[in-house]
Amino acid sequence: MYESLKFSWTRFLRDHRFRTIFFFGVASGLPSSLVFGTLSIWLREEGLTRTSIGLIGLAATPYAINFLWAPLVDRLPLGPLTVLFGQRRSWIMACQLALAPSVVIMGYQAPQMTPLVLGLAALLVAFFSATQDVAIDAYRVEVLKPEEFGTGAALAIYGWHVGAFITGAGALYVAAFGGWAAAYGVAGVLVGFMAVTTLIAREPERPASATTPTKSISQWVRHAAIAPLTDFFKRLGWLSILVLGVVVFYKFGDAMVGRMSGVLYVDLGFNKIEIANYSKSIGLFATLLGVGVGGWFCSRLGIVRAMFFGATLMMVTNLAFALLASVGRDFEVLAAVVFFDNLSGGMATTAFVAYLSSLCNVVFTATQYALLASLGNFARIQLGSVSGWLVDSVGGNWTLFFVSVAGMSIPAILLLWALVKSLHKVKKN
């Protein structure tokens, strides 16, 4: 389960599974930016307070609780769609068809006039996007062999960041010339276009035990919701406590940066084009590099040790943002901070996704992966919702804010150290 995994770009070129995983990653990343970084920049430009921006960020909560309906994605057929596409692709297709108009509707809202309606529209986008993620993550785990999880994780993250870049930098460029409604309208068209990938993808084969029909509602609940949990704790035993602790705390240090970095750029005086040129463009290059390095680290050090290194770098990243806040509107410092932030984020995320994949039983893929990913997302979203309030509570002192939250990576580092030691003892015994 914790063996080193090999990253290989040559597999992407010759294996349809890896190409599909990459483009599904793009489909997953496209709507994500629209309810995170891009939305924060839009709201700050419209004059909303940092506290309000953080609270509107709660609309992303579906990413943290999608495990609640993951059993439906695992086992509930969608009628004719399932007959045509299979269990995984039918859910992906349904979400993509619902996402496109939801994104367009979101872009036509006025933040100052109808903040509640905008929040509800963002919630709708987040719900369909989070549900799509459940099906896509399950597809990736089911279509790969365990020794291929590292490569699959890297390609999925590459795709995700390409999609996030398109609706991050791309949306800022369009908004600079045509307004935010146009930006979200174009994004909605691109989200809908990704259904082409779903049409040409191949449905993965599933174990017979994952497709066996149930005779009653109680039996369905046992198979879909209870069995995945009991299987997880039975396989990991006492190590499950450490594992869950790592999953929950791993994103603590990254939580505040994700929601407030765009707000910081606006407060420092950077405009949309400058943010797109530096934060998004340089960020994409650094992320893609970091993903590759992260895959290499997984193959050389093992997944857990790679996660340990990634958590340490995320803590340093917060201190780098504190430096940017202290020097102000400096393009060279901005470029350096953005590069380092995205490099370390790409490395850490690759190891984290590979780690979650390695914990799943293919019989319960969607439910187990969604539960683990939701635990990781919970800290990022809930902490992000109070990040604006925290900045306001220190009088808008961004330097003090980032220095304070740097310490949030310490619990993850300590838990990973304990997990490495425990795994070493288990192997010796």
Protein backbone atom coordinates (compact mmCIF):
# COMPACT_ATOMS: atom_id res chain seq x y z
CA MET A 1 0.00 0.00 0.00
CA TYR A 2 2.83 2.41 0.79
CA GLU A 3 5.30 1.22 -1.86
CA SER A 4 7.20 3.76 -3.96
CA LEU A 5 5.43 4.67 -7.18
CA LYS A 6 7.06 5.45 -10.50
CA PHE A 7 6.27 8.56 -12.52
CA SER A 8 6.57 8.26 -16.30
CA TRP A 9 5.55 10.73 -19.01
CA THR A 10 6.05 8.08 -21.71
CA ARG A 11 2.99 6.25 -20.37
CA PHE A 12 0.93 9.37 -20.99
CA LEU A 13 1.88 9.29 -24.67
CA ARG A 14 1.06 5.64 -25.31
CA ASP A 15 -1.68 4.72 -22.84
CA HIS A 16 -5.26 5.99 -23.34
CA ARG A 17 -5.94 5.64 -19.60
CA PHE A 18 -3.39 8.29 -18.69
CA ARG A 19 -4.55 10.64 -21.42
CA THR A 20 -8.11 10.34 -20.10
CA ILE A 21 -6.93 10.95 -16.53
CA PHE A 22 -5.15 14.13 -17.65
CA PHE A 23 -8.21 15.56 -19.43
CA PHE A 24 -10.51 14.58 -16.57
CA GLY A 25 -8.10 16.54 -14.38
CA VAL A 26 -8.64 19.55 -16.65
CA ALA A 27 -12.41 19.09 -16.31
CA SER A 28 -12.05 19.00 -12.53
CA GLY A 29 -9.86 22.11 -12.38
CA LEU A 30 -11.98 24.35 -14.62
CA PRO A 31 -14.85 25.07 -12.17
CA SER A 32 -12.65 24.99 -9.07
CA SER A 33 -10.95 28.35 -9.65
CA LEU A 34 -14.33 29.97 -10.23
CA VAL A 35 -15.35 29.40 -6.60
CA PHE A 36 -11.91 29.95 -5.04
CA GLY A 37 -9.17 32.33 -6.25
CA THR A 38 -10.94 33.97 -9.19
CA LEU A 39 -14.05 34.63 -7.11
CA SER A 40 -11.98 36.23 -4.32
CA ILE A 41 -10.34 38.65 -6.77
CA TRP A 42 -13.72 39.56 -8.27
CA LEU A 43 -15.29 40.21 -4.88
CA ARG A 44 -12.38 42.32 -3.64
CA GLU A 45 -12.47 44.47 -6.77
CA GLU A 46 -16.19 45.01 -6.17
CA GLY A 47 -15.36 46.38 -2.72
CA LEU A 48 -16.49 43.55 -0.46
CA THR A 49 -14.69 43.27 2.88
CA ARG A 50 -12.13 40.54 3.53
CA THR A 51 -14.43 39.05 6.16
CA SER A 52 -17.32 38.86 3.66
CA ILE A 53 -15.10 37.27 1.04
CA GLY A 54 -14.05 34.61 3.50
CA LEU A 55 -17.64 33.87 4.47
CA ILE A 56 -18.81 33.63 0.85
CA GLY A 57 -16.04 31.08 0.47
CA LEU A 58 -18.21 28.73 2.54
CA ALA A 59 -20.05 28.10 -0.72
CA ALA A 60 -17.18 25.71 -1.48
CA THR A 61 -18.30 23.45 1.41
CA PRO A 62 -19.56 20.69 -0.96
CA TYR A 63 -15.91 19.87 -1.66
CA ALA A 64 -15.56 19.04 2.04
CA ILE A 65 -18.72 16.94 2.43
CA ASN A 66 -19.11 15.19 -0.91
CA PHE A 67 -18.43 11.90 0.86
CA LEU A 68 -22.04 12.11 2.11
CA TRP A 69 -23.42 11.42 -1.35
CA ALA A 70 -20.42 9.44 -2.65
CA PRO A 71 -22.27 6.12 -1.99
CA LEU A 72 -24.84 7.26 -4.57
CA VAL A 73 -22.07 7.90 -7.09
CA ASP A 74 -20.66 4.46 -6.29
CA ARG A 75 -23.86 2.47 -6.72
CA LEU A 76 -26.86 4.46 -7.94
CA PRO A 77 -27.44 4.14 -11.73
CA LEU A 78 -28.67 7.16 -13.70
CA GLY A 79 -31.07 5.35 -15.98
CA PRO A 80 -30.33 5.74 -19.72
CA LEU A 81 -27.09 7.61 -19.02
CA THR A 82 -25.68 4.61 -17.15
CA VAL A 83 -26.81 2.27 -19.92
CA LEU A 84 -24.96 4.43 -22.48
CA PHE A 85 -21.83 5.35 -20.55
CA GLY A 86 -21.48 3.11 -17.49
CA GLN A 87 -21.53 3.99 -13.79
CA ARG A 88 -18.54 6.34 -13.68
CA ARG A 89 -18.92 8.18 -16.98
CA SER A 90 -22.68 8.66 -16.54
CA TRP A 91 -22.14 10.61 -13.32
CA ILE A 92 -19.31 12.63 -14.83
CA MET A 93 -21.44 13.49 -17.86
CA ALA A 94 -24.45 14.48 -15.74
CA CYS A 95 -22.33 16.82 -13.63
CA GLN A 96 -20.73 18.45 -16.67
CA LEU A 97 -24.11 19.11 -18.28
CA ALA A 98 -25.30 20.75 -15.04
CA LEU A 99 -22.10 22.70 -14.42
CA ALA A 100 -22.02 24.66 -17.66
CA PRO A 101 -25.26 26.66 -17.12
CA SER A 102 -24.54 27.02 -13.39
CA VAL A 103 -21.25 28.79 -14.11
CA VAL A 104 -22.92 31.16 -16.59
CA ILE A 105 -25.65 32.03 -14.05
CA MET A 106 -23.00 32.73 -11.41
CA GLY A 107 -21.26 35.25 -13.67
CA TYR A 108 -24.41 37.32 -14.16
CA GLN A 109 -24.76 38.15 -10.46
CA ALA A 110 -23.86 41.52 -8.94
CA PRO A 111 -21.77 41.00 -5.75
CA GLN A 112 -22.75 44.33 -4.16
CA MET A 113 -26.46 44.05 -5.01
CA THR A 114 -27.12 40.32 -4.66
CA PRO A 115 -24.35 38.74 -2.56
CA LEU A 116 -26.71 36.03 -1.29
CA VAL A 117 -27.76 35.00 -4.81
CA LEU A 118 -24.11 34.97 -5.87
CA GLY A 119 -23.28 32.78 -2.87
CA LEU A 120 -26.08 30.36 -3.77
CA ALA A 121 -24.94 30.24 -7.40
CA ALA A 122 -21.38 29.52 -6.25
CA LEU A 123 -22.76 26.80 -3.97
CA LEU A 124 -24.51 25.20 -6.95
CA VAL A 125 -21.30 25.24 -8.99
CA ALA A 126 -19.36 23.78 -6.06
CA PHE A 127 -21.95 21.01 -5.58
CA PHE A 128 -21.84 19.79 -9.17
CA SER A 129 -18.07 20.20 -9.31
CA ALA A 130 -17.53 18.28 -6.06
CA THR A 131 -19.82 15.49 -7.28
CA GLN A 132 -17.92 15.35 -10.56
CA ASP A 133 -14.70 15.03 -8.53
CA VAL A 134 -16.08 11.98 -6.70
CA ALA A 135 -16.73 10.18 -9.98
CA ILE A 136 -13.44 11.30 -11.58
CA ASP A 137 -11.36 10.24 -8.58
CA ALA A 138 -13.08 6.87 -8.53
CA TYR A 139 -12.50 6.48 -12.27
CA ARG A 140 -8.79 7.17 -11.84
CA VAL A 141 -8.30 4.68 -9.01
CA GLU A 142 -10.31 1.95 -10.76
CA VAL A 143 -8.64 2.28 -14.15
CA LEU A 144 -5.09 2.03 -12.74
CA LYS A 145 -3.00 -0.62 -11.05
CA PRO A 146 -1.61 0.18 -7.57
CA GLU A 147 1.92 0.64 -8.93
CA GLU A 148 0.55 3.25 -11.37
CA PHE A 149 -1.05 5.52 -8.74
CA GLY A 150 1.97 7.87 -8.66
CA THR A 151 1.87 8.49 -12.40
CA GLY A 152 -1.92 8.78 -12.34
CA ALA A 153 -1.84 11.26 -9.48
CA ALA A 154 0.76 13.43 -11.22
CA LEU A 155 -1.16 13.50 -14.51
CA ALA A 156 -4.46 14.25 -12.75
CA ILE A 157 -2.86 17.17 -10.93
CA TYR A 158 -1.20 18.43 -14.12
CA GLY A 159 -4.63 18.42 -15.74
CA TRP A 160 -6.29 20.07 -12.74
CA HIS A 161 -3.84 22.96 -12.76
CA VAL A 162 -4.15 23.43 -16.51
CA GLY A 163 -7.92 23.71 -16.02
CA ALA A 164 -7.50 26.03 -13.03
CA PHE A 165 -5.10 28.20 -15.07
CA ILE A 166 -7.63 28.51 -17.89
CA THR A 167 -10.37 29.79 -15.56
CA GLY A 168 -7.83 31.64 -13.40
CA ALA A 169 -5.59 33.63 -15.73
CA GLY A 170 -8.01 33.26 -18.65
CA ALA A 171 -10.94 34.61 -16.65
CA LEU A 172 -8.87 37.59 -15.48
CA TYR A 173 -7.83 38.45 -19.05
CA VAL A 174 -11.43 38.21 -20.32
CA ALA A 175 -12.76 40.16 -17.31
CA ALA A 176 -10.20 42.94 -17.90
CA PHE A 177 -11.63 43.60 -21.36
CA GLY A 178 -15.19 42.26 -21.31
CA GLY A 179 -16.30 42.18 -17.68
CA TRP A 180 -16.91 39.36 -15.22
CA ALA A 181 -20.14 38.15 -16.85
CA ALA A 182 -18.22 37.51 -20.08
CA ALA A 183 -15.43 35.78 -18.16
CA TYR A 184 -17.79 33.36 -16.45
CA GLY A 185 -19.76 32.89 -19.68
CA VAL A 186 -16.66 31.75 -21.55
CA ALA A 187 -15.72 29.54 -18.61
CA GLY A 188 -19.16 27.91 -18.71
CA VAL A 189 -18.74 27.05 -22.40
CA LEU A 190 -15.34 25.48 -21.70
CA VAL A 191 -16.73 23.45 -18.80
CA GLY A 192 -19.47 22.08 -21.04
CA PHE A 193 -16.98 21.31 -23.83
CA MET A 194 -15.14 18.89 -21.54
CA ALA A 195 -18.05 16.48 -22.00
CA VAL A 196 -16.22 15.43 -25.18
CA THR A 197 -13.62 13.71 -22.99
CA THR A 198 -16.37 11.78 -21.22
CA LEU A 199 -17.83 10.68 -24.55
CA ILE A 200 -14.58 9.15 -25.80
CA ALA A 201 -13.31 7.76 -22.47
CA ARG A 202 -13.51 4.03 -21.76
CA GLU A 203 -15.48 2.86 -18.74
CA PRO A 204 -13.28 0.96 -16.25
CA GLU A 205 -14.04 -2.63 -15.35
CA ARG A 206 -15.39 -3.02 -11.82
CA PRO A 207 -15.24 -5.99 -9.46
CA ALA A 208 -18.40 -8.13 -9.38
CA SER A 209 -18.85 -7.32 -5.69
CA ALA A 210 -19.07 -3.61 -6.58
CA THR A 211 -21.91 -4.13 -9.05
CA THR A 212 -23.96 -6.86 -7.34
CA PRO A 213 -27.57 -5.66 -7.02
CA THR A 214 -29.05 -5.31 -3.53
CA LYS A 215 -32.40 -6.70 -2.43
CA SER A 216 -33.45 -4.05 0.09
CA ILE A 217 -32.71 -0.49 1.22
CA SER A 218 -30.99 -1.70 4.40
CA GLN A 219 -28.73 -3.98 2.37
CA TRP A 220 -27.93 -1.11 0.01
CA VAL A 221 -26.96 1.13 2.95
CA ARG A 222 -24.73 -1.60 4.36
CA HIS A 223 -22.95 -2.14 1.05
CA ALA A 224 -22.74 1.51 -0.03
CA ALA A 225 -22.14 3.42 3.21
CA ILE A 226 -21.16 1.12 6.08
CA ALA A 227 -18.98 -1.48 4.36
CA PRO A 228 -16.48 1.11 3.01
CA LEU A 229 -15.84 2.41 6.52
CA THR A 230 -15.48 -0.98 8.18
CA ASP A 231 -13.19 -2.12 5.37
CA PHE A 232 -10.94 0.92 5.83
CA PHE A 233 -10.50 0.49 9.59
CA LYS A 234 -10.13 -3.27 9.31
CA ARG A 235 -7.30 -3.02 6.77
CA LEU A 236 -5.35 -0.28 8.59
CA GLY A 237 -6.04 -1.24 12.21
CA TRP A 238 -4.60 1.15 14.78
CA LEU A 239 -2.65 3.00 12.08
CA SER A 240 -5.97 4.40 10.81
CA ILE A 241 -5.91 7.02 13.61
CA LEU A 242 -2.55 8.37 12.46
CA VAL A 243 -3.60 8.18 8.82
CA LEU A 244 -6.80 10.17 9.40
CA GLY A 245 -4.88 12.71 11.46
CA VAL A 246 -2.46 13.26 8.59
CA VAL A 247 -5.32 13.63 6.09
CA VAL A 248 -7.13 16.20 8.25
CA PHE A 249 -4.12 18.36 9.16
CA TYR A 250 -2.14 18.19 5.93
CA LYS A 251 -3.89 21.19 4.33
CA PHE A 252 -3.92 23.42 7.44
CA GLY A 253 -0.86 25.43 6.40
CA ASP A 254 -2.22 25.86 2.87
CA ALA A 255 -5.76 26.82 3.89
CA MET A 256 -5.30 30.55 4.46
CA VAL A 257 -3.10 31.13 1.40
CA GLY A 258 -5.65 29.55 -0.93
CA ARG A 259 -8.45 31.93 -0.02
CA MET A 260 -6.53 35.14 0.71
CA SER A 261 -3.64 35.28 -1.79
CA GLY A 262 -5.77 36.94 -4.48
CA VAL A 263 -7.12 39.43 -1.93
CA LEU A 264 -3.53 40.23 -0.89
CA TYR A 265 -2.54 40.95 -4.50
CA VAL A 266 -5.44 43.38 -4.90
CA ASP A 267 -4.65 45.08 -1.58
CA LEU A 268 -1.00 45.53 -2.63
CA GLY A 269 -2.14 47.35 -5.79
CA PHE A 270 -1.73 44.69 -8.49
CA ASN A 271 -4.36 44.81 -11.25
CA LYS A 272 -6.07 41.88 -13.02
CA ILE A 273 -3.58 41.67 -15.89
CA GLU A 274 -0.59 41.78 -13.53
CA ILE A 275 -2.10 39.11 -11.31
CA ALA A 276 -2.75 36.93 -14.36
CA ASN A 277 0.76 37.47 -15.73
CA TYR A 278 2.54 36.68 -12.49
CA SER A 279 0.29 34.73 -10.17
CA LYS A 280 -1.34 32.52 -12.81
CA SER A 281 1.21 32.20 -15.62
CA ILE A 282 4.35 31.78 -13.52
CA GLY A 283 2.26 29.79 -11.06
CA LEU A 284 1.21 27.29 -13.72
CA PHE A 285 4.81 26.67 -14.82
CA ALA A 286 5.98 26.25 -11.22
CA THR A 287 3.09 23.93 -10.41
CA LEU A 288 3.74 21.67 -13.39
CA LEU A 289 7.39 21.53 -12.41
CA GLY A 290 6.45 20.79 -8.80
CA VAL A 291 4.10 17.97 -9.83
CA GLY A 292 6.90 16.32 -11.80
CA VAL A 293 9.33 16.72 -8.92
CA GLY A 294 6.67 15.40 -6.53
CA GLY A 295 6.19 12.30 -8.67
CA TRP A 296 9.96 11.79 -8.70
CA PHE A 297 10.10 12.17 -4.90
CA CYS A 298 7.35 9.57 -4.53
CA SER A 299 9.35 7.10 -6.61
CA ARG A 300 12.60 7.72 -4.73
CA LEU A 301 11.54 8.37 -1.13
CA GLY A 302 8.11 6.77 -0.92
CA ILE A 303 4.79 8.58 -0.63
CA VAL A 304 4.76 9.31 3.10
CA ARG A 305 8.29 10.78 3.12
CA ALA A 306 7.42 12.89 0.08
CA MET A 307 4.39 14.21 1.98
CA PHE A 308 6.63 15.08 4.92
CA PHE A 309 8.88 17.15 2.66
CA GLY A 310 5.85 18.81 1.04
CA ALA A 311 4.33 19.81 4.40
CA THR A 312 7.60 21.46 5.42
CA LEU A 313 7.75 23.45 2.18
CA MET A 314 4.14 24.62 2.61
CA MET A 315 5.07 26.07 6.00
CA VAL A 316 7.98 27.97 4.43
CA THR A 317 5.60 29.25 1.74
CA ASN A 318 3.55 31.12 4.34
CA LEU A 319 6.71 32.91 5.46
CA ALA A 320 7.43 33.82 1.83
CA PHE A 321 4.02 35.49 1.59
CA ALA A 322 4.85 37.39 4.78
CA LEU A 323 7.94 38.73 2.98
CA LEU A 324 5.82 39.86 0.00
CA ALA A 325 3.37 41.59 2.32
CA SER A 326 6.20 43.47 4.03
CA VAL A 327 7.89 44.75 0.83
CA GLY A 328 4.65 45.69 -0.94
CA ARG A 329 4.07 46.04 -4.70
CA ASP A 330 7.34 44.50 -5.90
CA PHE A 331 7.16 42.44 -9.11
CA GLU A 332 10.41 40.53 -8.54
CA VAL A 333 9.38 39.44 -5.06
CA LEU A 334 5.89 38.57 -6.34
CA ALA A 335 7.39 36.37 -9.07
CA ALA A 336 9.69 34.59 -6.61
CA VAL A 337 6.94 34.01 -4.04
CA VAL A 338 4.45 32.77 -6.64
CA PHE A 339 7.06 30.41 -8.11
CA PHE A 340 8.01 28.93 -4.74
CA ASP A 341 4.40 28.68 -3.56
CA ASN A 342 3.24 26.78 -6.63
CA LEU A 343 6.36 24.60 -6.81
CA SER A 344 5.91 23.42 -3.23
CA GLY A 345 2.14 23.11 -3.68
CA GLY A 346 2.56 20.91 -6.76
CA MET A 347 5.00 18.64 -4.95
CA ALA A 348 2.83 18.32 -1.86
CA THR A 349 -0.41 17.75 -3.75
CA THR A 350 1.06 15.00 -5.93
CA ALA A 351 2.20 13.08 -2.88
CA PHE A 352 -1.13 13.67 -1.12
CA VAL A 353 -3.28 12.42 -4.03
CA ALA A 354 -1.07 9.35 -4.50
CA TYR A 355 -1.35 8.69 -0.76
CA LEU A 356 -5.16 8.87 -0.78
CA SER A 357 -5.29 6.58 -3.83
CA SER A 358 -3.14 4.01 -2.07
CA LEU A 359 -5.57 3.87 0.86
CA CYS A 360 -8.61 2.88 -1.24
CA ASN A 361 -10.11 -0.56 -1.80
CA VAL A 362 -11.25 -0.78 -5.45
CA VAL A 363 -14.58 -2.27 -4.31
CA PHE A 364 -15.47 1.01 -2.52
CA THR A 365 -13.39 3.47 -4.53
CA ALA A 366 -15.73 6.47 -4.78
CA THR A 367 -16.88 6.39 -1.16
CA GLN A 368 -13.47 5.82 0.43
CA TYR A 369 -11.60 8.33 -1.73
CA ALA A 370 -14.33 10.95 -1.32
CA LEU A 371 -14.30 10.51 2.46
CA LEU A 372 -10.53 10.89 2.68
CA ALA A 373 -10.41 13.81 0.23
CA SER A 374 -13.29 15.51 2.07
CA LEU A 375 -11.42 15.31 5.36
CA GLY A 376 -8.48 17.02 3.69
CA ASN A 377 -10.69 19.65 2.08
CA PHE A 378 -12.57 20.35 5.30
CA ALA A 379 -9.67 22.20 6.91
CA ARG A 380 -8.90 24.14 3.74
CA ILE A 381 -12.48 25.35 3.25
CA GLN A 382 -13.55 25.95 6.85
CA LEU A 383 -10.31 27.67 7.83
CA GLY A 384 -10.41 29.63 4.59
CA SER A 385 -13.85 30.96 5.52
CA VAL A 386 -12.45 32.74 8.60
CA SER A 387 -9.19 33.82 6.96
CA GLY A 388 -10.59 37.23 5.96
CA TRP A 389 -11.84 37.82 9.49
CA LEU A 390 -8.42 36.89 10.84
CA VAL A 391 -6.71 39.44 8.58
CA ASP A 392 -9.21 42.12 9.64
CA SER A 393 -8.76 41.17 13.31
CA VAL A 394 -5.03 42.03 13.11
CA GLY A 395 -5.82 45.35 11.46
CA GLY A 396 -5.03 44.22 7.93
CA ASN A 397 -1.45 43.38 8.89
CA TRP A 398 -0.70 40.79 6.21
CA THR A 399 2.82 40.09 7.46
CA LEU A 400 1.60 39.16 10.93
CA PHE A 401 -1.19 37.09 9.40
CA PHE A 402 1.09 34.90 7.29
CA VAL A 403 3.67 34.47 10.04
CA SER A 404 0.89 33.31 12.37
CA VAL A 405 -0.60 30.75 9.99
CA ALA A 406 2.82 29.30 9.10
CA GLY A 407 2.59 27.37 12.35
CA MET A 408 -0.51 25.55 11.11
CA SER A 409 1.71 23.12 9.20
CA ILE A 410 3.40 21.88 12.37
CA PRO A 411 0.69 19.32 13.38
CA ALA A 412 0.89 17.66 9.94
CA ILE A 413 4.69 17.48 10.12
CA LEU A 414 4.57 15.86 13.57
CA LEU A 415 1.87 13.36 12.54
CA LEU A 416 3.78 12.39 9.39
CA TRP A 417 6.93 11.87 11.45
CA ALA A 418 4.96 9.59 13.80
CA LEU A 419 3.45 7.72 10.82
CA VAL A 420 6.86 7.11 9.23
CA LYS A 421 8.17 5.76 12.54
CA SER A 422 5.11 3.54 13.02
CA LEU A 423 5.32 2.13 9.50
CA HIS A 424 8.98 1.36 10.05
CA LYS A 425 8.15 -0.58 13.21
CA VAL A 426 5.37 -2.49 11.44
CA LYS A 427 7.74 -3.53 8.65
CA LYS A 428 10.35 -4.69 11.15
CA ASN A 429 7.79 -6.85 12.92
